Amino acid sequence: MAFSLSGAITGATVSGLTSPTTTWTQDTVTPPNMKQYVCTALGGTQTDVSTHSVASPFLVSLTKPSVFKPLSMVNPVTGRLTSVPRNTWKMIFIKGATPLAGQATVPILARMEFVVPSGVDAADPNEIRALMSAIGGVLNNQAGGLADSFLLGII
């Protein structure tokens, strides 16, 4: 299944929010190699949290390489690849937040870049699955801790 957000997505446990959910709606984007979703509804108790708007965005986008790089030639003498090109995927989360009461919102940015060596998709796909599972698990497990670190300035 490709990257696709639908319905209410349950958020990770974070102090100050009760049973948080976000509902995402696919947005129209110009580049054909990008998919973008905006948060159109909140569930649970998320006091002072806003959904997506022009003035205060709440979105996630995923951009795939515009052209995938195939594996290079194998050296006929050594039987080894001469080089391993990489395909870069980019994900960004944007959430508008107010730096001071009464002021305009400023976006919080969270960027992730996934640099996948060519050929791994065919030769070792479970390693990609394991990495994504681990990333999802760490972010889900540590969402509260990361929020506390950002709020308190401690690790």
N, C-alpha and C. Protein backbone atom coordinates (compact mmCIF):
# COMPACT_ATOMS: atom_id res chain seq x y z
N MET A 1 0.84 -1.18 0.00
CA MET A 1 0.00 0.00 0.00
C MET A 1 0.89 1.24 0.00
N ALA A 2 0.59 2.16 -0.86
CA ALA A 2 1.36 3.40 -0.95
C ALA A 2 0.98 4.36 0.16
N PHE A 3 1.77 5.40 0.33
CA PHE A 3 1.51 6.43 1.34
C PHE A 3 0.14 7.03 1.09
N SER A 4 -0.75 6.85 2.05
CA SER A 4 -2.12 7.33 1.91
C SER A 4 -2.73 7.47 3.30
N LEU A 5 -3.11 8.67 3.65
CA LEU A 5 -3.75 8.91 4.95
C LEU A 5 -5.25 8.98 4.72
N SER A 6 -5.99 8.23 5.54
CA SER A 6 -7.44 8.30 5.41
C SER A 6 -8.08 8.06 6.78
N GLY A 7 -9.18 8.74 7.00
CA GLY A 7 -9.89 8.60 8.27
C GLY A 7 -9.12 9.24 9.40
N ALA A 8 -9.62 9.01 10.60
CA ALA A 8 -8.97 9.56 11.79
C ALA A 8 -7.76 8.71 12.15
N ILE A 9 -6.61 9.35 12.29
CA ILE A 9 -5.36 8.68 12.65
C ILE A 9 -5.11 8.96 14.13
N THR A 10 -4.94 7.90 14.90
CA THR A 10 -4.69 8.05 16.33
C THR A 10 -3.28 8.53 16.56
N GLY A 11 -3.14 9.59 17.35
CA GLY A 11 -1.83 10.12 17.67
C GLY A 11 -1.19 9.37 18.82
N ALA A 12 0.08 9.57 19.00
CA ALA A 12 0.81 8.96 20.11
C ALA A 12 0.44 9.67 21.41
N THR A 13 0.68 9.00 22.51
CA THR A 13 0.41 9.57 23.82
C THR A 13 1.37 10.71 24.11
N VAL A 14 0.80 11.88 24.41
CA VAL A 14 1.58 13.07 24.73
C VAL A 14 0.87 13.77 25.89
N SER A 15 1.64 14.16 26.89
CA SER A 15 1.07 14.86 28.03
C SER A 15 0.33 16.12 27.57
N GLY A 16 -0.87 16.36 28.12
CA GLY A 16 -1.64 17.54 27.79
C GLY A 16 -2.70 17.31 26.72
N LEU A 17 -2.62 16.18 26.00
CA LEU A 17 -3.63 15.83 25.00
C LEU A 17 -4.30 14.53 25.43
N THR A 18 -5.60 14.43 25.23
CA THR A 18 -6.33 13.22 25.60
C THR A 18 -6.87 12.55 24.34
N SER A 19 -6.43 11.33 24.10
CA SER A 19 -6.85 10.54 22.94
C SER A 19 -6.83 11.35 21.64
N PRO A 20 -5.68 11.95 21.30
CA PRO A 20 -5.64 12.81 20.11
C PRO A 20 -5.77 12.02 18.81
N THR A 21 -6.60 12.54 17.92
CA THR A 21 -6.69 12.01 16.56
C THR A 21 -6.64 13.18 15.59
N THR A 22 -6.18 12.89 14.38
CA THR A 22 -6.18 13.88 13.31
C THR A 22 -6.81 13.24 12.08
N THR A 23 -7.63 14.00 11.38
CA THR A 23 -8.21 13.53 10.13
C THR A 23 -7.55 14.30 9.00
N TRP A 24 -7.05 13.54 8.02
CA TRP A 24 -6.27 14.13 6.93
C TRP A 24 -7.04 14.05 5.63
N THR A 25 -6.96 15.10 4.82
CA THR A 25 -7.60 15.16 3.52
C THR A 25 -6.53 15.44 2.48
N GLN A 26 -6.56 14.68 1.37
CA GLN A 26 -5.55 14.88 0.34
C GLN A 26 -5.70 16.26 -0.28
N ASP A 27 -4.57 16.93 -0.42
CA ASP A 27 -4.50 18.26 -1.01
C ASP A 27 -4.08 18.13 -2.46
N THR A 28 -4.37 19.13 -3.26
CA THR A 28 -3.92 19.16 -4.64
C THR A 28 -2.57 19.86 -4.68
N VAL A 29 -1.59 19.19 -5.27
CA VAL A 29 -0.25 19.76 -5.36
C VAL A 29 0.19 19.77 -6.82
N THR A 30 1.11 20.67 -7.15
CA THR A 30 1.56 20.82 -8.52
C THR A 30 2.52 19.73 -8.97
N PRO A 31 3.59 19.44 -8.24
CA PRO A 31 4.51 18.43 -8.77
C PRO A 31 3.86 17.04 -8.76
N PRO A 32 3.99 16.31 -9.87
CA PRO A 32 3.37 14.98 -9.93
C PRO A 32 4.06 13.95 -9.03
N ASN A 33 5.25 14.26 -8.53
CA ASN A 33 5.96 13.32 -7.67
C ASN A 33 5.76 13.62 -6.18
N MET A 34 4.69 14.38 -5.85
CA MET A 34 4.43 14.73 -4.45
C MET A 34 2.98 14.39 -4.09
N LYS A 35 2.81 13.94 -2.85
CA LYS A 35 1.49 13.75 -2.28
C LYS A 35 1.44 14.58 -1.01
N GLN A 36 0.33 15.28 -0.80
CA GLN A 36 0.21 16.15 0.37
C GLN A 36 -1.17 16.00 1.00
N TYR A 37 -1.19 16.03 2.33
CA TYR A 37 -2.43 15.94 3.09
C TYR A 37 -2.48 17.08 4.09
N VAL A 38 -3.69 17.59 4.33
CA VAL A 38 -3.88 18.64 5.32
C VAL A 38 -4.81 18.10 6.41
N CYS A 39 -4.58 18.56 7.64
CA CYS A 39 -5.40 18.15 8.77
C CYS A 39 -6.70 18.96 8.74
N THR A 40 -7.83 18.26 8.59
CA THR A 40 -9.11 18.94 8.48
C THR A 40 -9.99 18.76 9.71
N ALA A 41 -9.62 17.86 10.62
CA ALA A 41 -10.42 17.68 11.83
C ALA A 41 -9.54 17.11 12.94
N LEU A 42 -9.89 17.45 14.16
CA LEU A 42 -9.20 16.95 15.34
C LEU A 42 -10.18 16.16 16.18
N GLY A 43 -9.69 15.14 16.86
CA GLY A 43 -10.52 14.38 17.77
C GLY A 43 -9.85 14.29 19.11
N GLY A 44 -10.58 13.79 20.10
CA GLY A 44 -10.06 13.75 21.45
C GLY A 44 -10.07 15.15 22.02
N THR A 45 -9.27 15.37 23.05
CA THR A 45 -9.16 16.69 23.64
C THR A 45 -7.80 17.27 23.28
N GLN A 46 -7.82 18.30 22.45
CA GLN A 46 -6.60 18.98 22.00
C GLN A 46 -6.83 20.48 22.11
N THR A 47 -6.90 20.96 23.33
CA THR A 47 -7.20 22.36 23.60
C THR A 47 -6.18 23.27 22.93
N ASP A 48 -6.68 24.32 22.27
CA ASP A 48 -5.87 25.34 21.60
C ASP A 48 -5.09 24.80 20.39
N VAL A 49 -5.48 23.65 19.86
CA VAL A 49 -4.85 23.11 18.65
C VAL A 49 -5.76 23.43 17.48
N SER A 50 -5.17 23.85 16.36
CA SER A 50 -5.97 24.22 15.19
C SER A 50 -5.74 23.25 14.04
N THR A 51 -6.74 23.14 13.19
CA THR A 51 -6.61 22.36 11.97
C THR A 51 -5.94 23.24 10.91
N HIS A 52 -5.78 22.72 9.73
CA HIS A 52 -5.10 23.43 8.64
C HIS A 52 -5.87 24.67 8.18
N SER A 53 -5.15 25.73 7.94
CA SER A 53 -5.68 26.92 7.28
C SER A 53 -4.52 27.58 6.55
N VAL A 54 -4.82 28.54 5.71
CA VAL A 54 -3.76 29.26 5.01
C VAL A 54 -2.86 29.97 6.02
N ALA A 55 -3.47 30.59 7.02
CA ALA A 55 -2.71 31.36 8.01
C ALA A 55 -1.96 30.48 9.00
N SER A 56 -2.44 29.26 9.21
CA SER A 56 -1.82 28.36 10.18
C SER A 56 -1.84 26.94 9.63
N PRO A 57 -0.85 26.60 8.81
CA PRO A 57 -0.88 25.30 8.14
C PRO A 57 -0.68 24.12 9.10
N PHE A 58 -1.28 23.00 8.75
CA PHE A 58 -1.07 21.73 9.45
C PHE A 58 -1.12 20.68 8.35
N LEU A 59 0.06 20.29 7.86
CA LEU A 59 0.11 19.41 6.70
C LEU A 59 1.31 18.47 6.75
N VAL A 60 1.23 17.44 5.92
CA VAL A 60 2.34 16.53 5.71
C VAL A 60 2.43 16.27 4.22
N SER A 61 3.66 16.23 3.70
CA SER A 61 3.84 15.91 2.28
C SER A 61 4.99 14.93 2.13
N LEU A 62 4.88 14.11 1.09
CA LEU A 62 5.92 13.15 0.75
C LEU A 62 6.26 13.36 -0.71
N THR A 63 7.56 13.52 -0.99
CA THR A 63 8.04 13.73 -2.35
C THR A 63 8.97 12.59 -2.72
N LYS A 64 8.68 11.95 -3.84
CA LYS A 64 9.55 10.88 -4.33
C LYS A 64 10.52 11.45 -5.35
N PRO A 65 11.59 10.72 -5.66
CA PRO A 65 12.51 11.21 -6.68
C PRO A 65 11.77 11.41 -8.00
N SER A 66 12.09 12.47 -8.73
CA SER A 66 11.42 12.72 -10.01
C SER A 66 11.86 11.69 -11.05
N VAL A 67 13.08 11.20 -10.92
CA VAL A 67 13.58 10.12 -11.78
C VAL A 67 14.36 9.16 -10.88
N PHE A 68 13.96 7.89 -10.90
CA PHE A 68 14.66 6.90 -10.08
C PHE A 68 15.98 6.51 -10.74
N LYS A 69 17.02 6.37 -9.92
CA LYS A 69 18.34 6.00 -10.41
C LYS A 69 18.48 4.49 -10.35
N PRO A 70 18.75 3.84 -11.47
CA PRO A 70 18.93 2.39 -11.46
C PRO A 70 20.33 2.02 -10.98
N LEU A 71 20.51 0.74 -10.73
CA LEU A 71 21.85 0.26 -10.37
C LEU A 71 22.81 0.47 -11.52
N SER A 72 24.08 0.69 -11.18
CA SER A 72 25.10 0.89 -12.19
C SER A 72 25.61 -0.47 -12.68
N MET A 73 26.58 -0.41 -13.52
CA MET A 73 27.15 -1.62 -14.10
C MET A 73 27.98 -2.39 -13.09
N VAL A 74 28.02 -3.69 -13.29
CA VAL A 74 28.86 -4.56 -12.47
C VAL A 74 30.21 -4.69 -13.18
N ASN A 75 31.29 -4.56 -12.41
CA ASN A 75 32.63 -4.71 -12.96
C ASN A 75 32.79 -6.15 -13.45
N PRO A 76 33.12 -6.34 -14.74
CA PRO A 76 33.20 -7.70 -15.28
C PRO A 76 34.33 -8.53 -14.67
N VAL A 77 35.34 -7.89 -14.12
CA VAL A 77 36.47 -8.63 -13.54
C VAL A 77 36.18 -9.01 -12.09
N THR A 78 35.72 -8.03 -11.29
CA THR A 78 35.52 -8.28 -9.86
C THR A 78 34.11 -8.78 -9.53
N GLY A 79 33.16 -8.52 -10.43
CA GLY A 79 31.78 -8.90 -10.15
C GLY A 79 31.10 -7.99 -9.14
N ARG A 80 31.73 -6.88 -8.82
CA ARG A 80 31.19 -5.92 -7.84
C ARG A 80 30.57 -4.73 -8.57
N LEU A 81 29.59 -4.13 -7.92
CA LEU A 81 29.00 -2.90 -8.46
C LEU A 81 30.06 -1.80 -8.46
N THR A 82 30.09 -1.01 -9.54
CA THR A 82 31.06 0.08 -9.60
C THR A 82 30.64 1.23 -8.69
N SER A 83 29.33 1.42 -8.51
CA SER A 83 28.81 2.40 -7.56
C SER A 83 27.35 2.05 -7.27
N VAL A 84 26.85 2.57 -6.19
CA VAL A 84 25.45 2.34 -5.83
C VAL A 84 24.76 3.69 -5.72
N PRO A 85 23.99 4.06 -6.74
CA PRO A 85 23.26 5.32 -6.67
C PRO A 85 22.18 5.26 -5.60
N ARG A 86 21.73 6.43 -5.18
CA ARG A 86 20.70 6.50 -4.14
C ARG A 86 19.52 7.32 -4.63
N ASN A 87 18.33 6.89 -4.22
CA ASN A 87 17.09 7.61 -4.52
C ASN A 87 16.62 8.28 -3.24
N THR A 88 16.41 9.59 -3.29
CA THR A 88 16.07 10.36 -2.10
C THR A 88 14.58 10.73 -2.08
N TRP A 89 13.93 10.35 -1.00
CA TRP A 89 12.54 10.69 -0.72
C TRP A 89 12.56 11.75 0.38
N LYS A 90 11.62 12.69 0.34
CA LYS A 90 11.59 13.73 1.37
C LYS A 90 10.18 13.84 1.94
N MET A 91 10.12 13.94 3.27
CA MET A 91 8.85 14.12 3.96
C MET A 91 8.97 15.35 4.84
N ILE A 92 7.91 16.15 4.84
CA ILE A 92 7.91 17.34 5.70
C ILE A 92 6.55 17.44 6.39
N PHE A 93 6.61 17.77 7.65
CA PHE A 93 5.42 18.10 8.43
C PHE A 93 5.50 19.59 8.73
N ILE A 94 4.39 20.29 8.60
CA ILE A 94 4.34 21.71 8.92
C ILE A 94 3.13 21.94 9.83
N LYS A 95 3.35 22.64 10.94
CA LYS A 95 2.27 22.96 11.89
C LYS A 95 2.43 24.40 12.32
N GLY A 96 1.42 25.23 12.03
CA GLY A 96 1.44 26.62 12.46
C GLY A 96 1.32 26.71 13.97
N ALA A 97 2.07 27.62 14.58
CA ALA A 97 2.04 27.82 16.03
C ALA A 97 2.29 29.30 16.33
N THR A 98 1.69 29.77 17.40
CA THR A 98 1.80 31.19 17.77
C THR A 98 2.98 31.41 18.70
N PRO A 99 3.96 32.23 18.32
CA PRO A 99 5.12 32.46 19.17
C PRO A 99 4.82 33.37 20.36
N LEU A 100 3.76 34.18 20.25
CA LEU A 100 3.37 35.09 21.33
C LEU A 100 1.90 35.39 21.15
N ALA A 101 1.14 35.39 22.25
CA ALA A 101 -0.30 35.63 22.17
C ALA A 101 -0.59 36.88 21.35
N GLY A 102 -1.55 36.76 20.45
CA GLY A 102 -1.95 37.88 19.62
C GLY A 102 -1.11 38.07 18.38
N GLN A 103 -0.10 37.26 18.20
CA GLN A 103 0.78 37.37 17.03
C GLN A 103 0.37 36.35 15.96
N ALA A 104 0.82 36.58 14.75
CA ALA A 104 0.57 35.65 13.65
C ALA A 104 1.31 34.34 13.90
N THR A 105 0.79 33.27 13.33
CA THR A 105 1.45 31.97 13.50
C THR A 105 2.71 31.90 12.65
N VAL A 106 3.61 31.05 13.11
CA VAL A 106 4.86 30.77 12.42
C VAL A 106 4.95 29.24 12.32
N PRO A 107 5.36 28.70 11.17
CA PRO A 107 5.35 27.25 11.04
C PRO A 107 6.48 26.55 11.80
N ILE A 108 6.09 25.45 12.44
CA ILE A 108 7.05 24.49 12.99
C ILE A 108 7.33 23.52 11.83
N LEU A 109 8.58 23.21 11.57
CA LEU A 109 8.94 22.32 10.47
C LEU A 109 9.60 21.06 11.01
N ALA A 110 9.18 19.91 10.49
CA ALA A 110 9.84 18.65 10.78
C ALA A 110 10.14 17.99 9.44
N ARG A 111 11.42 17.85 9.14
CA ARG A 111 11.83 17.29 7.84
C ARG A 111 12.51 15.95 8.04
N MET A 112 12.16 15.03 7.17
CA MET A 112 12.83 13.73 7.15
C MET A 112 13.26 13.47 5.72
N GLU A 113 14.41 12.86 5.58
CA GLU A 113 14.91 12.49 4.26
C GLU A 113 15.28 11.02 4.30
N PHE A 114 14.81 10.28 3.33
CA PHE A 114 15.08 8.85 3.24
C PHE A 114 15.92 8.62 2.00
N VAL A 115 17.15 8.20 2.17
CA VAL A 115 18.06 7.98 1.05
C VAL A 115 18.22 6.47 0.89
N VAL A 116 17.55 5.93 -0.14
CA VAL A 116 17.47 4.49 -0.34
C VAL A 116 18.41 4.06 -1.47
N PRO A 117 19.38 3.20 -1.17
CA PRO A 117 20.27 2.72 -2.22
C PRO A 117 19.48 1.97 -3.30
N SER A 118 19.80 2.23 -4.56
CA SER A 118 19.14 1.53 -5.66
C SER A 118 19.34 0.03 -5.50
N GLY A 119 18.32 -0.72 -5.83
CA GLY A 119 18.41 -2.17 -5.78
C GLY A 119 17.93 -2.79 -4.49
N VAL A 120 17.95 -2.03 -3.40
CA VAL A 120 17.53 -2.58 -2.11
C VAL A 120 16.06 -2.98 -2.16
N ASP A 121 15.25 -2.22 -2.91
CA ASP A 121 13.82 -2.53 -3.02
C ASP A 121 13.59 -3.94 -3.53
N ALA A 122 14.45 -4.43 -4.40
CA ALA A 122 14.30 -5.77 -4.96
C ALA A 122 15.11 -6.82 -4.20
N ALA A 123 16.32 -6.47 -3.80
CA ALA A 123 17.22 -7.46 -3.20
C ALA A 123 17.03 -7.65 -1.70
N ASP A 124 16.54 -6.64 -0.99
CA ASP A 124 16.47 -6.71 0.47
C ASP A 124 15.30 -5.89 1.02
N PRO A 125 14.08 -6.11 0.51
CA PRO A 125 12.95 -5.25 0.86
C PRO A 125 12.59 -5.25 2.35
N ASN A 126 12.84 -6.34 3.04
CA ASN A 126 12.49 -6.37 4.47
C ASN A 126 13.35 -5.45 5.31
N GLU A 127 14.52 -5.08 4.82
CA GLU A 127 15.34 -4.11 5.55
C GLU A 127 14.67 -2.73 5.51
N ILE A 128 14.05 -2.39 4.37
CA ILE A 128 13.30 -1.13 4.28
C ILE A 128 12.10 -1.19 5.22
N ARG A 129 11.39 -2.31 5.21
CA ARG A 129 10.24 -2.47 6.10
C ARG A 129 10.65 -2.36 7.57
N ALA A 130 11.76 -2.99 7.91
CA ALA A 130 12.24 -2.96 9.30
C ALA A 130 12.60 -1.54 9.72
N LEU A 131 13.26 -0.80 8.84
CA LEU A 131 13.64 0.58 9.16
C LEU A 131 12.40 1.44 9.39
N MET A 132 11.42 1.34 8.48
CA MET A 132 10.22 2.16 8.61
C MET A 132 9.43 1.77 9.86
N SER A 133 9.39 0.48 10.17
CA SER A 133 8.72 0.04 11.38
C SER A 133 9.42 0.61 12.61
N ALA A 134 10.74 0.59 12.60
CA ALA A 134 11.51 1.11 13.74
C ALA A 134 11.31 2.62 13.88
N ILE A 135 11.34 3.35 12.77
CA ILE A 135 11.14 4.80 12.82
C ILE A 135 9.75 5.11 13.38
N GLY A 136 8.72 4.44 12.85
CA GLY A 136 7.36 4.65 13.33
C GLY A 136 7.24 4.32 14.81
N GLY A 137 7.85 3.22 15.23
CA GLY A 137 7.79 2.82 16.63
C GLY A 137 8.51 3.79 17.55
N VAL A 138 9.68 4.24 17.15
CA VAL A 138 10.44 5.19 17.97
C VAL A 138 9.68 6.51 18.09
N LEU A 139 9.17 7.03 16.96
CA LEU A 139 8.43 8.29 17.02
C LEU A 139 7.15 8.13 17.84
N ASN A 140 6.46 7.02 17.68
CA ASN A 140 5.25 6.79 18.47
C ASN A 140 5.59 6.64 19.95
N ASN A 141 6.62 5.88 20.25
CA ASN A 141 7.02 5.65 21.64
C ASN A 141 7.56 6.90 22.30
N GLN A 142 8.25 7.72 21.54
CA GLN A 142 8.94 8.87 22.12
C GLN A 142 8.28 10.22 21.82
N ALA A 143 7.05 10.21 21.30
CA ALA A 143 6.38 11.47 20.97
C ALA A 143 6.30 12.38 22.19
N GLY A 144 5.90 11.84 23.33
CA GLY A 144 5.81 12.64 24.55
C GLY A 144 7.16 13.14 25.01
N GLY A 145 8.16 12.26 24.96
CA GLY A 145 9.51 12.65 25.37
C GLY A 145 10.10 13.71 24.47
N LEU A 146 9.88 13.57 23.15
CA LEU A 146 10.36 14.59 22.23
C LEU A 146 9.67 15.93 22.48
N ALA A 147 8.34 15.89 22.68
CA ALA A 147 7.61 17.13 22.97
C ALA A 147 8.16 17.77 24.23
N ASP A 148 8.40 16.98 25.28
CA ASP A 148 8.96 17.51 26.53
C ASP A 148 10.35 18.10 26.30
N SER A 149 11.17 17.43 25.49
CA SER A 149 12.52 17.95 25.20
C SER A 149 12.44 19.31 24.50
N PHE A 150 11.54 19.42 23.51
CA PHE A 150 11.38 20.69 22.80
C PHE A 150 10.84 21.78 23.72
N LEU A 151 9.94 21.40 24.64
CA LEU A 151 9.34 22.38 25.55
C LEU A 151 10.29 22.81 26.67
N LEU A 152 11.09 21.85 27.16
CA LEU A 152 11.95 22.12 28.32
C LEU A 152 13.42 22.39 27.97
N GLY A 153 13.78 22.07 26.73
CA GLY A 153 15.17 22.28 26.31
C GLY A 153 16.13 21.27 26.87
N ILE A 154 15.62 20.10 27.23
CA ILE A 154 16.51 19.05 27.77
C ILE A 154 16.35 17.76 26.96
N ILE A 155 17.36 16.93 27.03
CA ILE A 155 17.30 15.63 26.35
C ILE A 155 17.05 14.56 27.36
